[in-house]
Every structure is written in structure tokens, then in C-alpha cells.
Amino acid sequence: MTMNVPKMVYLEEGWEFMQKGITKLKNILEGLLEPQFTSEDYFMLYTYDVFFLLLVSLLFLWLHTLKFYVLPSLREKHDEFMPRELVNRWANHKVMVYQELKARIRDAVISLIDQEREGEQIDRALLKNVLDIFDEIGMGQIDYYEHDFEPAMLKDTAAYYSRRASNWILADSCPDYMLKAEECLRQEKDRVSHYLHSSSEPKLLEKVQHELLSVYATQLLEKEHSGCHALLRDDKVEDLSRMFSLFSKIPKGLDPVSNIFKQADKKDVVGPQE
């Protein structure tokens, strides 16, 4: 008895055949006039080597599920049961799409946020709609947002402001640096109000404050010609007020400021006695 050995299909030829199968499936799903898959189609697709077998299996599993389970289930439902079934099926479909694309969605959103931080105009309404997908998948809960988006966004935020701070601390005076830090915090709050989840605000601001203020607190406050000593000496009330406002928001942020104030008071007391 002779066995029929399947023909070996090379990558280019096999991929071309698969593309035709996908196009045919797409047309069927969209209700366009398209002949149904024949047994020969099934045979040709399933005789590819293992590399294509997995992809083809997924393709036909999708088609099989849609044709023999989803559509019949919807057709047999009536009155309020039909839309209920549609909602359930659609929810399953959304979850499948979400699981496939969530990493790319996350990275694209983070990239757009960084573009906005660099001064570029972005479509904030689009970002809000995209981020709403995380809420929708979680059925109003923020679990998916907190697990699949927020950690990467916060990590990117820290990295972004670490880069900015390392340049600003060398180039700017203490007052100018504080103005930039204040503006960055304002902009991040604005982002939360427009498209990020409100629960992200304290975490987001903590990242910004840490990278801009905590990391460089000593270097900033002790800048030779513009640090805290110089501001006290020159009676720069507005700058000192901004310094107090910024450093009061970070853990023990006012400790080094207070120490400088105490040192200045001692000099004022000792000075006249000398």
C-alpha cells in the first residue's frame, strides 16, 4: 500500500496560500460573496509542514467557532436573549483582541505621552479612548489598567525625568531648575485630568518628584551662586517660597532646607558679636 506523501511547501509559496485563505475568511466574515472553503482547501492548508500547521489551525479554529457556534447561537436567540448573547460573544472577542495587542497598545500610548512631554501636539481624545479600553476589558475595574499599562508607564516616566534632570542640574540655576520642576508637575497633573486614570496621579507625581527633586536635592540646594544660601542672602522670597512648596511634597524634603536656614541664622547671630 502506497502512502501519499504531502508535498513540501516553501515559505513564500505557503505564505501566499495562507494570505489567500485569510482574505477568503475575511470576505466570508464581512458577508461578501465568497465560496465556502472546500474539502480541497482544508486538505491543502493542512498538508503544510508544522510551521504553517499551527497558524492554519488557529485560522480554521476561528472560522469553525464562528460558523458552528457563534452565528448559530445568535440566530437561535430571540427578544432580549439575542442582544444578551451578542454582548457575551462580543466581550469574548474583545478579550481575544486585547490579549493579542495589549503590549503594542501600551507601548504606542507611552510613546505618545513622551512626544507630548517633548512639546509635540498629540490627540488627547484618542489617547483617552484607547486607555478606556483597559477599563472596558476590566468591566469598569482598573485591574487591567494597573497591571498591563500603569507599571510600564511609570517606569518610562521615571526614566524620562531622570534623563531631563541629569541635563538640567548641570545647565540651570536653582531658580530655573525649580521653575522647570514645578511646570513638569503641573503638566503631569494635566495629563491625568485629560486621559490617564485618576488613580495614577499620586504614583506619577511621586516618580517626577523623586527624579527631579529627591535625587538632586543636595546638589540643587547647594548650588554655589544660586542655591538656598544665595537665595537667603539675596532675599529671594518668591524663589524660597517655591523651594518650600516643592520640597515639602517629598519625604523629609524640608530637612536639608531647614538645616541651611539654621546655618544662616547662626551666621546672623555670630556676625554682630564678631
Protein backbone atom coordinates (compact mmCIF):
# COMPACT_ATOMS: atom_id res chain seq x y z
CA MET A 1 0.00 0.00 0.00
CA THR A 2 1.41 3.34 -1.06
CA MET A 3 1.14 6.35 1.25
CA ASN A 4 0.56 9.79 -0.24
CA VAL A 5 3.44 11.96 0.92
CA PRO A 6 2.39 15.59 1.30
CA LYS A 7 4.24 18.00 -0.92
CA MET A 8 6.80 20.16 0.90
CA VAL A 9 5.72 23.78 0.65
CA TYR A 10 8.37 26.51 0.81
CA LEU A 11 7.88 29.60 2.94
CA GLU A 12 7.00 32.04 0.15
CA GLU A 13 4.55 29.66 -1.54
CA GLY A 14 2.95 28.63 1.72
CA TRP A 15 2.59 32.19 2.95
CA GLU A 16 0.96 33.24 -0.33
CA PHE A 17 -1.56 30.42 0.00
CA MET A 18 -2.24 31.38 3.61
CA GLN A 19 -2.82 35.02 2.64
CA LYS A 20 -5.42 33.91 0.13
CA GLY A 21 -7.08 31.82 2.83
CA ILE A 22 -7.11 34.77 5.24
CA THR A 23 -8.56 37.06 2.57
CA LYS A 24 -11.25 34.49 1.82
CA LEU A 25 -12.07 34.19 5.52
CA LYS A 26 -12.24 37.97 5.87
CA ASN A 27 -14.68 38.20 2.96
CA ILE A 28 -16.87 35.47 4.47
CA LEU A 29 -16.90 37.22 7.85
CA GLU A 30 -17.86 40.52 6.20
CA GLY A 31 -20.74 38.88 4.34
CA LEU A 32 -19.27 39.31 0.88
CA LEU A 33 -19.98 36.85 -1.91
CA GLU A 34 -17.32 34.22 -1.44
CA PRO A 35 -17.47 30.44 -1.98
CA GLN A 36 -17.20 28.42 1.21
CA PHE A 37 -13.98 26.57 1.97
CA THR A 38 -13.94 23.23 0.15
CA SER A 39 -12.53 19.98 1.41
CA GLU A 40 -9.64 20.53 -1.00
CA ASP A 41 -8.93 23.91 0.64
CA TYR A 42 -8.86 22.25 4.03
CA PHE A 43 -6.62 19.49 2.70
CA MET A 44 -4.15 21.85 1.05
CA LEU A 45 -3.86 24.01 4.13
CA TYR A 46 -3.46 21.11 6.50
CA THR A 47 -0.77 19.39 4.43
CA TYR A 48 1.75 22.16 5.08
CA ASP A 49 4.63 21.40 7.39
CA VAL A 50 4.45 22.09 11.12
CA PHE A 51 5.37 25.75 10.82
CA PHE A 52 2.24 26.51 8.87
CA LEU A 53 0.10 23.92 10.61
CA LEU A 54 -0.12 25.96 13.81
CA LEU A 55 -1.15 29.14 12.02
CA VAL A 56 -3.62 27.35 9.80
CA SER A 57 -5.10 25.52 12.77
CA LEU A 58 -5.74 28.80 14.51
CA LEU A 59 -7.30 30.21 11.37
CA PHE A 60 -9.72 27.34 10.96
CA LEU A 61 -10.43 27.16 14.66
CA TRP A 62 -11.59 30.75 14.45
CA LEU A 63 -13.67 30.04 11.36
CA HIS A 64 -15.10 26.87 12.85
CA THR A 65 -16.03 28.60 16.11
CA LEU A 66 -17.64 31.49 14.30
CA LYS A 67 -19.59 29.37 11.82
CA PHE A 68 -20.70 26.49 14.01
CA TYR A 69 -21.02 28.10 17.43
CA VAL A 70 -21.18 31.90 17.41
CA LEU A 71 -23.53 32.54 14.50
CA PRO A 72 -25.93 29.64 15.26
CA SER A 73 -26.04 30.69 18.89
CA LEU A 74 -27.02 34.22 17.87
CA ARG A 75 -29.57 33.06 15.29
CA GLU A 76 -31.47 30.87 17.73
CA LYS A 77 -31.84 33.63 20.32
CA HIS A 78 -34.89 35.89 20.29
CA ASP A 79 -36.11 39.04 22.01
CA GLU A 80 -33.76 40.21 24.77
CA PHE A 81 -31.81 36.95 24.70
CA MET A 82 -30.26 37.71 21.31
CA PRO A 83 -28.62 41.03 22.29
CA ARG A 84 -27.52 39.45 25.56
CA GLU A 85 -25.81 36.64 23.65
CA LEU A 86 -24.28 39.17 21.26
CA VAL A 87 -22.84 41.13 24.17
CA ASN A 88 -21.34 37.98 25.66
CA ARG A 89 -19.83 36.87 22.36
CA TRP A 90 -18.54 40.37 21.64
CA ALA A 91 -16.94 40.53 25.08
CA ASN A 92 -15.08 37.29 24.36
CA HIS A 93 -13.95 38.67 21.01
CA LYS A 94 -12.68 41.88 22.61
CA VAL A 95 -10.71 39.95 25.19
CA MET A 96 -9.06 37.90 22.45
CA VAL A 97 -8.08 41.03 20.50
CA TYR A 98 -6.94 42.77 23.69
CA GLN A 99 -4.66 39.92 24.74
CA GLU A 100 -3.05 39.94 21.31
CA LEU A 101 -2.48 43.70 21.09
CA LYS A 102 -2.15 44.95 24.69
CA ALA A 103 1.65 45.25 24.61
CA ARG A 104 1.62 47.21 21.36
CA ILE A 105 -1.19 49.43 22.64
CA ARG A 106 0.75 50.12 25.84
CA ASP A 107 3.97 50.97 24.00
CA ALA A 108 2.19 53.22 21.50
CA VAL A 109 0.44 55.19 24.25
CA ILE A 110 3.67 55.63 26.23
CA SER A 111 5.44 56.82 23.08
CA LEU A 112 2.73 59.44 22.51
CA ILE A 113 2.98 60.62 26.12
CA ASP A 114 6.73 61.11 25.72
CA GLN A 115 6.13 63.01 22.49
CA GLU A 116 3.80 65.35 24.35
CA ARG A 117 6.41 65.81 27.09
CA GLU A 118 8.78 66.94 24.36
CA GLY A 119 6.33 69.63 23.30
CA GLU A 120 4.63 67.88 20.39
CA GLN A 121 0.88 68.10 19.85
CA ILE A 122 -0.94 64.80 20.26
CA ASP A 123 -4.57 63.71 20.04
CA ARG A 124 -5.52 63.56 23.71
CA ALA A 125 -9.06 62.42 22.94
CA LEU A 126 -7.65 59.46 21.04
CA LEU A 127 -5.39 58.59 23.97
CA LYS A 128 -8.34 58.76 26.35
CA ASN A 129 -10.39 56.44 24.12
CA VAL A 130 -7.52 53.97 23.84
CA LEU A 131 -6.91 53.92 27.60
CA ASP A 132 -10.64 53.43 28.16
CA ILE A 133 -10.16 50.02 26.54
CA PHE A 134 -8.33 48.87 29.68
CA ASP A 135 -11.34 49.89 31.77
CA GLU A 136 -13.75 48.30 29.32
CA ILE A 137 -11.92 44.98 29.35
CA GLY A 138 -11.94 45.11 33.14
CA MET A 139 -15.69 45.82 33.11
CA GLY A 140 -15.23 49.11 34.96
CA GLN A 141 -12.47 47.83 37.24
CA ILE A 142 -8.93 49.19 36.89
CA ASP A 143 -7.15 45.87 37.30
CA TYR A 144 -6.15 45.63 33.64
CA TYR A 145 -5.04 49.28 33.58
CA GLU A 146 -2.96 48.80 36.72
CA HIS A 147 -1.45 45.51 35.56
CA ASP A 148 -0.99 45.91 31.79
CA PHE A 149 -0.36 49.65 31.38
CA GLU A 150 0.48 51.61 34.52
CA PRO A 151 3.74 49.89 35.63
CA ALA A 152 5.36 50.39 32.22
CA MET A 153 4.09 53.97 32.04
CA LEU A 154 5.52 54.80 35.48
CA LYS A 155 8.84 53.15 34.63
CA ASP A 156 9.07 55.20 31.45
CA THR A 157 8.15 58.36 33.37
CA ALA A 158 11.00 57.80 35.83
CA ALA A 159 13.47 57.14 33.01
CA TYR A 160 12.31 60.22 31.09
CA TYR A 161 12.69 62.63 34.01
CA SER A 162 15.96 61.05 35.09
CA ARG A 163 17.38 62.00 31.69
CA ARG A 164 15.96 65.51 31.86
CA ALA A 165 17.17 66.11 35.42
CA SER A 166 20.72 64.98 34.66
CA ASN A 167 20.93 67.71 32.00
CA TRP A 168 19.07 70.46 33.84
CA ILE A 169 21.06 70.14 37.07
CA LEU A 170 24.25 70.96 35.15
CA ALA A 171 22.86 73.71 32.95
CA ASP A 172 20.34 75.60 35.08
CA SER A 173 20.44 77.80 38.14
CA CYS A 174 18.50 76.65 41.18
CA PRO A 175 15.55 79.04 40.50
CA ASP A 176 15.36 78.00 36.83
CA TYR A 177 15.55 74.32 37.73
CA MET A 178 12.74 74.72 40.26
CA LEU A 179 10.59 76.50 37.68
CA LYS A 180 11.04 73.56 35.32
CA ALA A 181 10.24 71.05 38.07
CA GLU A 182 7.12 72.98 39.00
CA GLU A 183 5.98 73.09 35.38
CA CYS A 184 6.62 69.36 34.90
CA LEU A 185 4.47 68.52 37.91
CA ARG A 186 1.72 70.78 36.60
CA GLN A 187 1.83 69.11 33.18
CA GLU A 188 1.66 65.61 34.66
CA LYS A 189 -1.41 66.59 36.68
CA ASP A 190 -2.91 67.92 33.46
CA ARG A 191 -2.28 64.60 31.73
CA VAL A 192 -4.10 62.76 34.46
CA SER A 193 -7.08 65.08 34.16
CA HIS A 194 -7.28 64.57 30.39
CA TYR A 195 -6.51 60.92 29.69
CA LEU A 196 -4.80 58.96 32.46
CA HIS A 197 -6.74 57.27 35.25
CA SER A 198 -7.11 59.45 38.34
CA SER A 199 -5.55 56.72 40.48
CA SER A 200 -2.27 57.26 38.61
CA GLU A 201 -1.79 60.83 39.83
CA PRO A 202 -0.02 60.22 43.18
CA LYS A 203 2.18 57.49 41.68
CA LEU A 204 3.03 59.63 38.67
CA LEU A 205 3.88 62.71 40.73
CA GLU A 206 5.99 60.63 43.10
CA LYS A 207 8.12 59.46 40.15
CA VAL A 208 8.59 63.02 38.91
CA GLN A 209 9.38 64.40 42.36
CA HIS A 210 11.86 61.64 43.06
CA GLU A 211 13.80 62.08 39.83
CA LEU A 212 13.74 65.89 39.74
CA LEU A 213 13.99 66.72 43.44
CA SER A 214 14.97 63.82 45.71
CA VAL A 215 17.86 62.58 43.58
CA TYR A 216 19.41 66.04 43.17
CA ALA A 217 18.29 67.74 46.40
CA THR A 218 21.76 68.34 47.83
CA GLN A 219 23.28 69.40 44.52
CA LEU A 220 20.39 71.75 43.82
CA LEU A 221 20.19 73.37 47.25
CA GLU A 222 23.95 73.86 47.46
CA LYS A 223 24.50 75.43 44.05
CA GLU A 224 27.22 77.97 44.67
CA HIS A 225 25.72 81.11 43.18
CA SER A 226 22.01 80.29 43.13
CA GLY A 227 21.29 77.69 45.81
CA CYS A 228 19.47 78.12 49.07
CA HIS A 229 22.29 80.14 50.72
CA ALA A 230 22.33 82.58 47.81
CA LEU A 231 18.55 82.92 47.80
CA LEU A 232 18.55 83.69 51.53
CA ARG A 233 21.40 86.16 51.16
CA ASP A 234 19.66 87.99 48.32
CA ASP A 235 16.23 87.80 49.97
CA LYS A 236 14.63 85.99 47.01
CA VAL A 237 11.26 85.45 48.68
CA GLU A 238 9.44 84.08 45.62
CA ASP A 239 12.16 81.53 44.87
CA LEU A 240 12.37 80.49 48.53
CA SER A 241 8.59 80.07 48.61
CA ARG A 242 8.76 77.85 45.52
CA MET A 243 11.56 75.83 47.11
CA PHE A 244 9.49 75.27 50.25
CA SER A 245 6.45 74.26 48.17
CA LEU A 246 8.39 71.74 46.06
CA PHE A 247 10.46 70.13 48.79
CA SER A 248 7.56 69.90 51.24
CA LYS A 249 5.98 67.32 48.92
CA ILE A 250 8.80 64.77 49.16
CA PRO A 251 9.67 62.62 52.21
CA LYS A 252 11.97 64.60 54.54
CA GLY A 253 12.39 67.09 51.73
CA LEU A 254 12.43 70.08 54.05
CA ASP A 255 15.19 68.69 56.30
CA PRO A 256 18.11 69.97 54.18
CA VAL A 257 16.30 73.27 53.60
CA SER A 258 15.78 73.66 57.34
CA ASN A 259 19.46 72.93 58.02
CA ILE A 260 20.52 75.66 55.62
CA PHE A 261 18.11 78.10 57.28
CA LYS A 262 19.57 77.23 60.70
CA GLN A 263 23.11 77.76 59.44
CA ALA A 264 22.10 81.15 58.08
CA ASP A 265 20.51 82.12 61.41
CA LYS A 266 23.69 81.17 63.28
CA LYS A 267 25.76 83.36 60.98
CA ASP A 268 23.39 86.26 61.59
CA VAL A 269 23.73 85.80 65.36
CA VAL A 270 27.50 85.31 65.37
CA GLY A 271 28.19 88.05 62.87
CA PRO A 272 27.36 91.09 65.05
CA GLN A 273 29.29 89.66 68.04
CA GLU A 274 32.41 89.46 65.95
